Every structure is written in C-alpha cells, then in structure tokens.
All heavy atoms as atom14 arrays in JSON, in Angstrom:
{
  "sequence": "GAATGSGVAPNRFDRIIGIVKAYTTRVGAGPFPTELHDESGEFLRSK",
  "atom14_mask": [
    [1, 1, 1, 1, 0, 0, 0, 0, 0, 0, 0, 0, 0, 0],
    [1, 1, 1, 1, 1, 0, 0, 0, 0, 0, 0, 0, 0, 0],
    [1, 1, 1, 1, 1, 0, 0, 0, 0, 0, 0, 0, 0, 0],
    [1, 1, 1, 1, 1, 1, 1, 0, 0, 0, 0, 0, 0, 0],
    [1, 1, 1, 1, 0, 0, 0, 0, 0, 0, 0, 0, 0, 0],
    [1, 1, 1, 1, 1, 1, 0, 0, 0, 0, 0, 0, 0, 0],
    [1, 1, 1, 1, 0, 0, 0, 0, 0, 0, 0, 0, 0, 0],
    [1, 1, 1, 1, 1, 1, 1, 0, 0, 0, 0, 0, 0, 0],
    [1, 1, 1, 1, 1, 0, 0, 0, 0, 0, 0, 0, 0, 0],
    [1, 1, 1, 1, 1, 1, 1, 0, 0, 0, 0, 0, 0, 0],
    [1, 1, 1, 1, 1, 1, 1, 1, 0, 0, 0, 0, 0, 0],
    [1, 1, 1, 1, 1, 1, 1, 1, 1, 1, 1, 0, 0, 0],
    [1, 1, 1, 1, 1, 1, 1, 1, 1, 1, 1, 0, 0, 0],
    [1, 1, 1, 1, 1, 1, 1, 1, 0, 0, 0, 0, 0, 0],
    [1, 1, 1, 1, 1, 1, 1, 1, 1, 1, 1, 0, 0, 0],
    [1, 1, 1, 1, 1, 1, 1, 1, 0, 0, 0, 0, 0, 0],
    [1, 1, 1, 1, 1, 1, 1, 1, 0, 0, 0, 0, 0, 0],
    [1, 1, 1, 1, 0, 0, 0, 0, 0, 0, 0, 0, 0, 0],
    [1, 1, 1, 1, 1, 1, 1, 1, 0, 0, 0, 0, 0, 0],
    [1, 1, 1, 1, 1, 1, 1, 0, 0, 0, 0, 0, 0, 0],
    [1, 1, 1, 1, 1, 1, 1, 1, 1, 0, 0, 0, 0, 0],
    [1, 1, 1, 1, 1, 0, 0, 0, 0, 0, 0, 0, 0, 0],
    [1, 1, 1, 1, 1, 1, 1, 1, 1, 1, 1, 1, 0, 0],
    [1, 1, 1, 1, 1, 1, 1, 0, 0, 0, 0, 0, 0, 0],
    [1, 1, 1, 1, 1, 1, 1, 0, 0, 0, 0, 0, 0, 0],
    [1, 1, 1, 1, 1, 1, 1, 1, 1, 1, 1, 0, 0, 0],
    [1, 1, 1, 1, 1, 1, 1, 0, 0, 0, 0, 0, 0, 0],
    [1, 1, 1, 1, 0, 0, 0, 0, 0, 0, 0, 0, 0, 0],
    [1, 1, 1, 1, 1, 0, 0, 0, 0, 0, 0, 0, 0, 0],
    [1, 1, 1, 1, 0, 0, 0, 0, 0, 0, 0, 0, 0, 0],
    [1, 1, 1, 1, 1, 1, 1, 0, 0, 0, 0, 0, 0, 0],
    [1, 1, 1, 1, 1, 1, 1, 1, 1, 1, 1, 0, 0, 0],
    [1, 1, 1, 1, 1, 1, 1, 0, 0, 0, 0, 0, 0, 0],
    [1, 1, 1, 1, 1, 1, 1, 0, 0, 0, 0, 0, 0, 0],
    [1, 1, 1, 1, 1, 1, 1, 1, 1, 0, 0, 0, 0, 0],
    [1, 1, 1, 1, 1, 1, 1, 1, 0, 0, 0, 0, 0, 0],
    [1, 1, 1, 1, 1, 1, 1, 1, 1, 1, 0, 0, 0, 0],
    [1, 1, 1, 1, 1, 1, 1, 1, 0, 0, 0, 0, 0, 0],
    [1, 1, 1, 1, 1, 1, 1, 1, 1, 0, 0, 0, 0, 0],
    [1, 1, 1, 1, 1, 1, 0, 0, 0, 0, 0, 0, 0, 0],
    [1, 1, 1, 1, 0, 0, 0, 0, 0, 0, 0, 0, 0, 0],
    [1, 1, 1, 1, 1, 1, 1, 1, 1, 0, 0, 0, 0, 0],
    [1, 1, 1, 1, 1, 1, 1, 1, 1, 1, 1, 0, 0, 0],
    [1, 1, 1, 1, 1, 1, 1, 1, 0, 0, 0, 0, 0, 0],
    [1, 1, 1, 1, 1, 1, 1, 1, 1, 1, 1, 0, 0, 0],
    [1, 1, 1, 1, 1, 1, 0, 0, 0, 0, 0, 0, 0, 0],
    [1, 1, 1, 1, 1, 1, 1, 1, 1, 0, 0, 0, 0, 0]
  ],
  "atom14_positions": [
    [[-22.46, -47.16, 31.36], [-21.61, -47.44, 32.5], [-22.35, -47.35, 33.83], [-21.93, -47.96, 34.82], [0.0, 0.0, 0.0], [0.0, 0.0, 0.0], [0.0, 0.0, 0.0], [0.0, 0.0, 0.0], [0.0, 0.0, 0.0], [0.0, 0.0, 0.0], [0.0, 0.0, 0.0], [0.0, 0.0, 0.0], [0.0, 0.0, 0.0], [0.0, 0.0, 0.0]],
    [[-23.46, -46.6, 33.84], [-24.25, -46.49, 35.07], [-24.88, -47.83, 35.43], [-25.05, -48.15, 36.61], [-25.33, -45.42, 34.91], [0.0, 0.0, 0.0], [0.0, 0.0, 0.0], [0.0, 0.0, 0.0], [0.0, 0.0, 0.0], [0.0, 0.0, 0.0], [0.0, 0.0, 0.0], [0.0, 0.0, 0.0], [0.0, 0.0, 0.0], [0.0, 0.0, 0.0]],
    [[-25.23, -48.62, 34.42], [-25.82, -49.94, 34.67], [-24.76, -50.93, 35.16], [-24.9, -51.53, 36.23], [-26.52, -50.46, 33.42], [0.0, 0.0, 0.0], [0.0, 0.0, 0.0], [0.0, 0.0, 0.0], [0.0, 0.0, 0.0], [0.0, 0.0, 0.0], [0.0, 0.0, 0.0], [0.0, 0.0, 0.0], [0.0, 0.0, 0.0], [0.0, 0.0, 0.0]],
    [[-23.69, -51.07, 34.4], [-22.65, -52.03, 34.79], [-21.92, -51.6, 36.06], [-21.49, -52.43, 36.84], [-21.63, -52.22, 33.66], [-21.1, -50.95, 33.28], [-22.28, -52.86, 32.44], [0.0, 0.0, 0.0], [0.0, 0.0, 0.0], [0.0, 0.0, 0.0], [0.0, 0.0, 0.0], [0.0, 0.0, 0.0], [0.0, 0.0, 0.0], [0.0, 0.0, 0.0]],
    [[-21.8, -50.29, 36.25], [-21.06, -49.78, 37.4], [-21.84, -49.73, 38.69], [-21.28, -49.37, 39.74], [0.0, 0.0, 0.0], [0.0, 0.0, 0.0], [0.0, 0.0, 0.0], [0.0, 0.0, 0.0], [0.0, 0.0, 0.0], [0.0, 0.0, 0.0], [0.0, 0.0, 0.0], [0.0, 0.0, 0.0], [0.0, 0.0, 0.0], [0.0, 0.0, 0.0]],
    [[-23.13, -50.09, 38.65], [-23.95, -50.01, 39.86], [-24.73, -51.28, 40.17], [-25.24, -51.43, 41.28], [-24.94, -48.84, 39.75], [-25.92, -49.12, 38.75], [0.0, 0.0, 0.0], [0.0, 0.0, 0.0], [0.0, 0.0, 0.0], [0.0, 0.0, 0.0], [0.0, 0.0, 0.0], [0.0, 0.0, 0.0], [0.0, 0.0, 0.0], [0.0, 0.0, 0.0]],
    [[-24.87, -52.17, 39.17], [-25.7, -53.35, 39.38], [-27.19, -53.08, 39.25], [-28.01, -53.85, 39.75], [0.0, 0.0, 0.0], [0.0, 0.0, 0.0], [0.0, 0.0, 0.0], [0.0, 0.0, 0.0], [0.0, 0.0, 0.0], [0.0, 0.0, 0.0], [0.0, 0.0, 0.0], [0.0, 0.0, 0.0], [0.0, 0.0, 0.0], [0.0, 0.0, 0.0]],
    [[-27.52, -51.98, 38.57], [-28.91, -51.63, 38.3], [-29.14, -51.75, 36.79], [-28.37, -51.23, 36.0], [-29.23, -50.19, 38.79], [-30.61, -49.76, 38.34], [-29.12, -50.12, 40.3], [0.0, 0.0, 0.0], [0.0, 0.0, 0.0], [0.0, 0.0, 0.0], [0.0, 0.0, 0.0], [0.0, 0.0, 0.0], [0.0, 0.0, 0.0], [0.0, 0.0, 0.0]],
    [[-30.22, -52.43, 36.4], [-30.46, -52.69, 34.98], [-30.83, -51.42, 34.22], [-31.43, -50.5, 34.8], [-31.58, -53.73, 34.83], [0.0, 0.0, 0.0], [0.0, 0.0, 0.0], [0.0, 0.0, 0.0], [0.0, 0.0, 0.0], [0.0, 0.0, 0.0], [0.0, 0.0, 0.0], [0.0, 0.0, 0.0], [0.0, 0.0, 0.0], [0.0, 0.0, 0.0]],
    [[-30.51, -51.35, 32.92], [-30.8, -50.15, 32.13], [-32.27, -49.75, 32.12], [-32.59, -48.57, 32.01], [-30.32, -50.53, 30.71], [-29.34, -51.62, 30.91], [-29.77, -52.36, 32.13], [0.0, 0.0, 0.0], [0.0, 0.0, 0.0], [0.0, 0.0, 0.0], [0.0, 0.0, 0.0], [0.0, 0.0, 0.0], [0.0, 0.0, 0.0], [0.0, 0.0, 0.0]],
    [[-33.18, -50.73, 32.23], [-34.61, -50.39, 32.17], [-35.13, -49.75, 33.46], [-36.31, -49.44, 33.56], [-35.46, -51.61, 31.78], [-35.39, -52.74, 32.79], [-34.6, -52.72, 33.73], [-36.24, -53.74, 32.6], [0.0, 0.0, 0.0], [0.0, 0.0, 0.0], [0.0, 0.0, 0.0], [0.0, 0.0, 0.0], [0.0, 0.0, 0.0], [0.0, 0.0, 0.0]],
    [[-34.22, -49.56, 34.45], [-34.61, -48.84, 35.67], [-34.31, -47.35, 35.56], [-34.63, -46.59, 36.47], [-33.88, -49.41, 36.9], [-33.99, -50.91, 37.13], [-35.42, -51.43, 37.25], [-36.21, -50.86, 38.31], [-36.29, -51.38, 39.55], [-35.61, -52.47, 39.86], [-37.06, -50.81, 40.47], [0.0, 0.0, 0.0], [0.0, 0.0, 0.0], [0.0, 0.0, 0.0]],
    [[-33.68, -46.93, 34.44], [-33.34, -45.52, 34.27], [-34.47, -44.8, 33.54], [-34.82, -45.15, 32.42], [-32.04, -45.34, 33.49], [-30.85, -46.03, 34.12], [-29.88, -46.63, 33.33], [-30.7, -46.08, 35.49], [-28.79, -47.26, 33.89], [-29.6, -46.72, 36.07], [-28.66, -47.31, 35.28], [0.0, 0.0, 0.0], [0.0, 0.0, 0.0], [0.0, 0.0, 0.0]],
    [[-35.04, -43.78, 34.17], [-36.14, -43.03, 33.58], [-35.69, -41.76, 32.87], [-36.31, -41.31, 31.92], [-37.16, -42.66, 34.66], [-37.72, -43.88, 35.35], [-38.61, -44.51, 34.77], [-37.23, -44.22, 36.44], [0.0, 0.0, 0.0], [0.0, 0.0, 0.0], [0.0, 0.0, 0.0], [0.0, 0.0, 0.0], [0.0, 0.0, 0.0], [0.0, 0.0, 0.0]],
    [[-34.64, -41.14, 33.38], [-34.13, -39.89, 32.8], [-32.62, -39.99, 32.67], [-31.94, -40.51, 33.58], [-34.48, -38.68, 33.68], [-35.96, -38.51, 33.98], [-36.75, -38.17, 32.71], [-36.63, -36.76, 32.35], [-37.43, -35.83, 32.87], [-38.33, -36.14, 33.78], [-37.32, -34.59, 32.47], [0.0, 0.0, 0.0], [0.0, 0.0, 0.0], [0.0, 0.0, 0.0]],
    [[-32.12, -39.49, 31.57], [-30.68, -39.42, 31.37], [-30.35, -37.96, 31.05], [-30.75, -37.43, 30.02], [-30.2, -40.37, 30.27], [-30.5, -41.82, 30.71], [-28.71, -40.19, 30.0], [-30.28, -42.86, 29.66], [0.0, 0.0, 0.0], [0.0, 0.0, 0.0], [0.0, 0.0, 0.0], [0.0, 0.0, 0.0], [0.0, 0.0, 0.0], [0.0, 0.0, 0.0]],
    [[-29.66, -37.34, 31.97], [-29.4, -35.9, 31.89], [-27.95, -35.69, 31.47], [-27.02, -36.13, 32.17], [-29.68, -35.22, 33.24], [-31.15, -35.45, 33.66], [-29.36, -33.74, 33.19], [-31.45, -35.08, 35.09], [0.0, 0.0, 0.0], [0.0, 0.0, 0.0], [0.0, 0.0, 0.0], [0.0, 0.0, 0.0], [0.0, 0.0, 0.0], [0.0, 0.0, 0.0]],
    [[-27.75, -35.04, 30.34], [-26.41, -34.71, 29.84], [-26.06, -33.28, 30.22], [-26.86, -32.37, 30.06], [0.0, 0.0, 0.0], [0.0, 0.0, 0.0], [0.0, 0.0, 0.0], [0.0, 0.0, 0.0], [0.0, 0.0, 0.0], [0.0, 0.0, 0.0], [0.0, 0.0, 0.0], [0.0, 0.0, 0.0], [0.0, 0.0, 0.0], [0.0, 0.0, 0.0]],
    [[-24.86, -33.08, 30.72], [-24.42, -31.75, 31.13], [-23.46, -31.2, 30.07], [-22.49, -31.86, 29.69], [-23.71, -31.77, 32.5], [-24.48, -32.65, 33.5], [-23.55, -30.36, 33.03], [-25.88, -32.23, 33.78], [0.0, 0.0, 0.0], [0.0, 0.0, 0.0], [0.0, 0.0, 0.0], [0.0, 0.0, 0.0], [0.0, 0.0, 0.0], [0.0, 0.0, 0.0]],
    [[-23.77, -30.0, 29.59], [-22.89, -29.32, 28.63], [-22.57, -27.93, 29.16], [-23.43, -27.27, 29.74], [-23.53, -29.2, 27.22], [-23.63, -30.53, 26.54], [-24.9, -28.52, 27.28], [0.0, 0.0, 0.0], [0.0, 0.0, 0.0], [0.0, 0.0, 0.0], [0.0, 0.0, 0.0], [0.0, 0.0, 0.0], [0.0, 0.0, 0.0], [0.0, 0.0, 0.0]],
    [[-21.34, -27.49, 28.94], [-21.03, -26.09, 29.15], [-21.52, -25.3, 27.95], [-21.7, -25.85, 26.86], [-19.51, -25.9, 29.28], [-18.99, -26.02, 30.69], [-17.51, -25.82, 30.73], [-16.98, -26.09, 32.13], [-15.57, -26.37, 32.16], [0.0, 0.0, 0.0], [0.0, 0.0, 0.0], [0.0, 0.0, 0.0], [0.0, 0.0, 0.0], [0.0, 0.0, 0.0]],
    [[-21.71, -23.98, 28.17], [-22.09, -23.09, 27.06], [-20.93, -22.9, 26.09], [-21.09, -22.29, 25.04], [-22.56, -21.75, 27.61], [0.0, 0.0, 0.0], [0.0, 0.0, 0.0], [0.0, 0.0, 0.0], [0.0, 0.0, 0.0], [0.0, 0.0, 0.0], [0.0, 0.0, 0.0], [0.0, 0.0, 0.0], [0.0, 0.0, 0.0], [0.0, 0.0, 0.0]],
    [[-19.77, -23.45, 26.45], [-18.6, -23.52, 25.57], [-17.99, -24.9, 25.83], [-18.72, -25.81, 26.28], [-17.62, -22.37, 25.85], [-17.27, -22.19, 27.32], [-16.1, -22.68, 27.85], [-18.12, -21.5, 28.17], [-15.78, -22.51, 29.19], [-17.81, -21.33, 29.52], [-16.65, -21.84, 30.03], [-16.35, -21.67, 31.36], [0.0, 0.0, 0.0], [0.0, 0.0, 0.0]],
    [[-16.73, -25.14, 25.52], [-16.15, -26.47, 25.7], [-14.79, -26.36, 26.37], [-14.04, -25.42, 26.11], [-15.97, -27.2, 24.34], [-17.17, -27.1, 23.57], [-15.65, -28.66, 24.54], [0.0, 0.0, 0.0], [0.0, 0.0, 0.0], [0.0, 0.0, 0.0], [0.0, 0.0, 0.0], [0.0, 0.0, 0.0], [0.0, 0.0, 0.0], [0.0, 0.0, 0.0]],
    [[-14.48, -27.33, 27.23], [-13.14, -27.41, 27.82], [-12.69, -28.87, 27.84], [-13.5, -29.78, 27.73], [-13.11, -26.89, 29.27], [-13.96, -27.69, 30.1], [-13.55, -25.44, 29.35], [0.0, 0.0, 0.0], [0.0, 0.0, 0.0], [0.0, 0.0, 0.0], [0.0, 0.0, 0.0], [0.0, 0.0, 0.0], [0.0, 0.0, 0.0], [0.0, 0.0, 0.0]],
    [[-11.4, -29.07, 27.97], [-10.87, -30.39, 28.25], [-9.55, -30.26, 28.99], [-8.86, -29.24, 28.85], [-10.75, -31.24, 26.99], [-9.57, -31.36, 26.23], [-9.54, -32.45, 25.15], [-9.3, -33.77, 25.71], [-9.27, -34.92, 25.0], [-9.46, -34.91, 23.71], [-9.05, -36.06, 25.61], [0.0, 0.0, 0.0], [0.0, 0.0, 0.0], [0.0, 0.0, 0.0]],
    [[-9.22, -31.27, 29.76], [-7.94, -31.35, 30.47], [-7.19, -32.55, 29.93], [-7.77, -33.6, 29.69], [-8.14, -31.48, 31.99], [-6.83, -31.76, 32.69], [-8.75, -30.2, 32.56], [0.0, 0.0, 0.0], [0.0, 0.0, 0.0], [0.0, 0.0, 0.0], [0.0, 0.0, 0.0], [0.0, 0.0, 0.0], [0.0, 0.0, 0.0], [0.0, 0.0, 0.0]],
    [[-5.89, -32.41, 29.78], [-5.1, -33.52, 29.26], [-4.95, -33.46, 27.75], [-5.46, -32.57, 27.07], [0.0, 0.0, 0.0], [0.0, 0.0, 0.0], [0.0, 0.0, 0.0], [0.0, 0.0, 0.0], [0.0, 0.0, 0.0], [0.0, 0.0, 0.0], [0.0, 0.0, 0.0], [0.0, 0.0, 0.0], [0.0, 0.0, 0.0], [0.0, 0.0, 0.0]],
    [[-4.25, -34.45, 27.23], [-3.94, -34.48, 25.8], [-5.11, -35.02, 24.99], [-6.11, -35.49, 25.53], [-2.7, -35.33, 25.58], [0.0, 0.0, 0.0], [0.0, 0.0, 0.0], [0.0, 0.0, 0.0], [0.0, 0.0, 0.0], [0.0, 0.0, 0.0], [0.0, 0.0, 0.0], [0.0, 0.0, 0.0], [0.0, 0.0, 0.0], [0.0, 0.0, 0.0]],
    [[-4.97, -34.92, 23.65], [-5.98, -35.47, 22.75], [-6.63, -34.41, 21.88], [-6.51, -33.21, 22.12], [0.0, 0.0, 0.0], [0.0, 0.0, 0.0], [0.0, 0.0, 0.0], [0.0, 0.0, 0.0], [0.0, 0.0, 0.0], [0.0, 0.0, 0.0], [0.0, 0.0, 0.0], [0.0, 0.0, 0.0], [0.0, 0.0, 0.0], [0.0, 0.0, 0.0]],
    [[-7.33, -34.84, 20.82], [-7.93, -33.9, 19.87], [-9.01, -33.03, 20.51], [-9.73, -33.47, 21.41], [-8.52, -34.8, 18.79], [-8.7, -36.14, 19.43], [-7.61, -36.25, 20.44], [0.0, 0.0, 0.0], [0.0, 0.0, 0.0], [0.0, 0.0, 0.0], [0.0, 0.0, 0.0], [0.0, 0.0, 0.0], [0.0, 0.0, 0.0], [0.0, 0.0, 0.0]],
    [[-9.14, -31.81, 20.02], [-10.1, -30.85, 20.56], [-10.33, -29.83, 19.45], [-9.65, -28.79, 19.4], [-9.51, -30.21, 21.82], [-10.37, -29.21, 22.53], [-11.66, -28.93, 22.14], [-9.87, -28.53, 23.65], [-12.44, -28.01, 22.81], [-10.65, -27.61, 24.34], [-11.92, -27.34, 23.9], [0.0, 0.0, 0.0], [0.0, 0.0, 0.0], [0.0, 0.0, 0.0]],
    [[-11.27, -30.1, 18.52], [-11.41, -29.27, 17.31], [-11.58, -27.77, 17.55], [-11.03, -26.95, 16.82], [-12.64, -29.86, 16.61], [-12.68, -31.28, 17.06], [-12.19, -31.26, 18.48], [0.0, 0.0, 0.0], [0.0, 0.0, 0.0], [0.0, 0.0, 0.0], [0.0, 0.0, 0.0], [0.0, 0.0, 0.0], [0.0, 0.0, 0.0], [0.0, 0.0, 0.0]],
    [[-12.37, -27.37, 18.57], [-12.66, -25.95, 18.75], [-11.67, -25.25, 19.68], [-11.9, -24.09, 20.08], [-14.09, -25.72, 19.28], [-14.19, -26.19, 20.63], [-15.12, -26.43, 18.42], [0.0, 0.0, 0.0], [0.0, 0.0, 0.0], [0.0, 0.0, 0.0], [0.0, 0.0, 0.0], [0.0, 0.0, 0.0], [0.0, 0.0, 0.0], [0.0, 0.0, 0.0]],
    [[-10.58, -25.92, 20.05], [-9.65, -25.32, 21.0], [-9.14, -23.96, 20.53], [-8.82, -23.77, 19.35], [-8.46, -26.24, 21.24], [-7.5, -25.71, 22.31], [-6.42, -26.7, 22.68], [-6.24, -27.72, 21.96], [-5.74, -26.47, 23.71], [0.0, 0.0, 0.0], [0.0, 0.0, 0.0], [0.0, 0.0, 0.0], [0.0, 0.0, 0.0], [0.0, 0.0, 0.0]],
    [[-9.05, -23.02, 21.46], [-8.6, -21.66, 21.18], [-7.23, -21.42, 21.79], [-7.0, -21.79, 22.95], [-9.61, -20.65, 21.76], [-11.03, -20.71, 21.17], [-12.0, -19.93, 22.05], [-11.05, -20.17, 19.75], [0.0, 0.0, 0.0], [0.0, 0.0, 0.0], [0.0, 0.0, 0.0], [0.0, 0.0, 0.0], [0.0, 0.0, 0.0], [0.0, 0.0, 0.0]],
    [[-6.36, -20.8, 21.02], [-5.01, -20.48, 21.5], [-4.79, -18.98, 21.5], [-3.67, -18.5, 21.38], [-3.96, -21.18, 20.64], [-4.07, -22.67, 20.63], [-3.65, -23.47, 21.67], [-4.59, -23.52, 19.7], [-3.88, -24.74, 21.38], [-4.46, -24.79, 20.19], [0.0, 0.0, 0.0], [0.0, 0.0, 0.0], [0.0, 0.0, 0.0], [0.0, 0.0, 0.0]],
    [[-5.86, -18.21, 21.6], [-5.77, -16.75, 21.5], [-6.43, -16.1, 22.71], [-6.69, -16.76, 23.71], [-6.45, -16.27, 20.2], [-7.9, -16.74, 20.08], [-8.46, -17.26, 21.09], [-8.5, -16.59, 18.98], [0.0, 0.0, 0.0], [0.0, 0.0, 0.0], [0.0, 0.0, 0.0], [0.0, 0.0, 0.0], [0.0, 0.0, 0.0], [0.0, 0.0, 0.0]],
    [[-6.69, -14.8, 22.6], [-7.27, -14.08, 23.74], [-8.68, -14.57, 24.08], [-9.12, -14.47, 25.23], [-7.28, -12.56, 23.48], [-8.14, -12.09, 22.3], [-7.37, -12.13, 20.98], [-6.26, -12.67, 20.95], [-7.91, -11.61, 19.99], [0.0, 0.0, 0.0], [0.0, 0.0, 0.0], [0.0, 0.0, 0.0], [0.0, 0.0, 0.0], [0.0, 0.0, 0.0]],
    [[-9.4, -15.11, 23.09], [-10.73, -15.66, 23.36], [-10.64, -16.87, 24.29], [-11.43, -17.03, 25.22], [-11.44, -16.05, 22.07], [-11.71, -14.93, 21.26], [0.0, 0.0, 0.0], [0.0, 0.0, 0.0], [0.0, 0.0, 0.0], [0.0, 0.0, 0.0], [0.0, 0.0, 0.0], [0.0, 0.0, 0.0], [0.0, 0.0, 0.0], [0.0, 0.0, 0.0]],
    [[-9.64, -17.72, 24.03], [-9.42, -18.87, 24.89], [-9.05, -18.46, 26.3], [-9.52, -19.04, 27.29], [0.0, 0.0, 0.0], [0.0, 0.0, 0.0], [0.0, 0.0, 0.0], [0.0, 0.0, 0.0], [0.0, 0.0, 0.0], [0.0, 0.0, 0.0], [0.0, 0.0, 0.0], [0.0, 0.0, 0.0], [0.0, 0.0, 0.0], [0.0, 0.0, 0.0]],
    [[-8.22, -17.44, 26.42], [-7.82, -16.95, 27.73], [-9.0, -16.29, 28.45], [-9.14, -16.39, 29.66], [-6.65, -15.95, 27.6], [-6.0, -15.58, 28.93], [-5.61, -16.8, 29.76], [-5.04, -17.75, 29.22], [-5.95, -16.79, 30.98], [0.0, 0.0, 0.0], [0.0, 0.0, 0.0], [0.0, 0.0, 0.0], [0.0, 0.0, 0.0], [0.0, 0.0, 0.0]],
    [[-9.86, -15.59, 27.67], [-11.07, -14.99, 28.24], [-11.95, -16.07, 28.89], [-12.39, -15.91, 30.03], [-11.86, -14.27, 27.13], [-13.22, -13.78, 27.55], [-13.38, -12.52, 28.11], [-14.36, -14.56, 27.37], [-14.65, -12.06, 28.5], [-15.62, -14.12, 27.75], [-15.76, -12.87, 28.31], [0.0, 0.0, 0.0], [0.0, 0.0, 0.0], [0.0, 0.0, 0.0]],
    [[-12.19, -17.16, 28.17], [-13.01, -18.25, 28.71], [-12.36, -18.88, 29.93], [-13.03, -19.18, 30.92], [-13.25, -19.32, 27.64], [-14.08, -18.9, 26.43], [-14.11, -20.03, 25.39], [-15.51, -18.53, 26.82], [0.0, 0.0, 0.0], [0.0, 0.0, 0.0], [0.0, 0.0, 0.0], [0.0, 0.0, 0.0], [0.0, 0.0, 0.0], [0.0, 0.0, 0.0]],
    [[-11.03, -19.04, 29.87], [-10.31, -19.68, 30.97], [-10.36, -18.83, 32.24], [-10.64, -19.33, 33.33], [-8.86, -19.95, 30.58], [-8.08, -20.76, 31.65], [-6.65, -21.09, 31.16], [-6.68, -21.91, 29.99], [-6.37, -21.48, 28.78], [-5.96, -20.23, 28.58], [-6.44, -22.27, 27.73], [0.0, 0.0, 0.0], [0.0, 0.0, 0.0], [0.0, 0.0, 0.0]],
    [[-10.08, -17.55, 32.1], [-10.01, -16.7, 33.29], [-11.39, -16.38, 33.83], [-11.62, -16.45, 35.04], [-9.23, -15.41, 32.96], [-9.81, -14.72, 31.9], [0.0, 0.0, 0.0], [0.0, 0.0, 0.0], [0.0, 0.0, 0.0], [0.0, 0.0, 0.0], [0.0, 0.0, 0.0], [0.0, 0.0, 0.0], [0.0, 0.0, 0.0], [0.0, 0.0, 0.0]],
    [[-12.34, -16.05, 32.95], [-13.68, -15.71, 33.43], [-14.42, -16.95, 33.96], [-15.18, -16.86, 34.93], [-14.5, -15.05, 32.32], [-15.77, -14.4, 32.86], [-16.5, -13.6, 31.82], [-17.79, -13.02, 32.44], [-18.62, -12.34, 31.43], [0.0, 0.0, 0.0], [0.0, 0.0, 0.0], [0.0, 0.0, 0.0], [0.0, 0.0, 0.0], [0.0, 0.0, 0.0]]
  ]
}
C-alpha cells in the first residue's frame, strides 16, 4: 500500500520495518486467538 498510496515504485523501498508489541492488542470486532478475558488481560490493558 505504500507504493500505490504514494506514487513511489516498490523498488525505491530499501527497508521495511514492522512494528510489533511485546504482546498483542486489537480494537473493534473480529477474531483474536490470544485474547485474554481474565486478570492477565486487565494487567496488560491497565499497565
């Protein structure tokens, strides 16, 4: 999407940096295999 969304060709990209949390979150509906509904989930949310 960076190519189509900017008008810059893919071969101009030298580095592609992916950002990950040390855990996982999502907002909104949809599948989320590791979702927590217990105190661990609340720990991650509040901290």
